[in-house]
């Protein structure tokens, strides 16, 4: 009897072991996908992705991208991509960006790689872990006129196109600049970048910008404030807010991404910090009403997903920004098998309060008191 019992126990143990081993590849694959995730966190206008297979798909905010994809932003649109290492890449209208290689493992910095090719348009980059801890080849952005490498930085790269750069001409630019199609402008806001091509290697640091007409020409380097100006008309930074200097579209996207993250982790205190003290909803609700709503929501649901799509930003009166988007909120309590879903169209005004971006009021679609 004991022998039979031991045999049965052994069989069960072996079966459990085999099941666990069978699950390991799936778990490893899921972990790898999470580490290499590329997410569209904001999209205004039409955003298409051309897959390596040749298929062309439309993608909205919340969509995922992968290595080999070519991201295509319509002329009047914009988009922001979030990489697993924390990097953010904002794309202006008319941009085509190919993701050539993306590899990130928090435990293996020597293997970090983020290589991409700017085929048209322009982008602004805020680097993440890959650009700060990896080797010199960890981050690489290819452009028709050369290769950009970075080390912990924020920079802008824009190609000279027929419909913007060449049409406007070199007015206001240094006399040494000869505009050519697919020439590249690079401006550094923070940190440093290197630009290499057949003409040589040039280093640009914060407060400097450069221009390379083609792959055989050494990049010309200029200093902001030395009488030269980066051609910001190629990609105007978004308008200013209440009592502040310019607030960029990337900053607005980052603001709402932080809001989404705070919702996802159930951080009520952080969420309230996004509202100005005198905030009012379109239904007359106050900050205290929001606080009560959040308290009830986080008490009932153990998981809340907050998803934004159709994001757009425009200048409003008084130097404010008017932000419009569609929101879908899904609350779940897995233990009690509860699920609640709501959607609304939201219009909000943003401005600076004591130097920090805040939601001043909601003009429609107040989602707080539903």
Foldseek 3Di string as FASTA:
>chain_A
DVVVVVVVVVVVVVVVVVVVVVCVVVVVVVVQCLQFWKFWQAKAAWKWKQAQVRDIGTDWGGDTDHAFIKIAAAQCMKTWMAGNQGKIKIFHHGWIKHFHDAGGDPVCLQPAATEMETAAFKMKMQDGPQQARYDQHRYWYHFQQWIKTFHGFIKMKHFQAPVPNVVVDQPQADPVDDADGRKMKMATQAGKMWTDALCGIDIDHHQKMWIGRGRNHDIDIDGPPPSHDDPCVSPPAAFAFAPDHTDGPVNVSVLVVVLQVCVFQLPLVVNLVQADQAEAEQVGDHSVLLSVLSVVQVVVFVGKGKGWTNWDWHADPNRKIKIKTKIKMWGAHVVVGDIDIDIWIWIFIWHDDPRDIHTRYTNDGPPRND
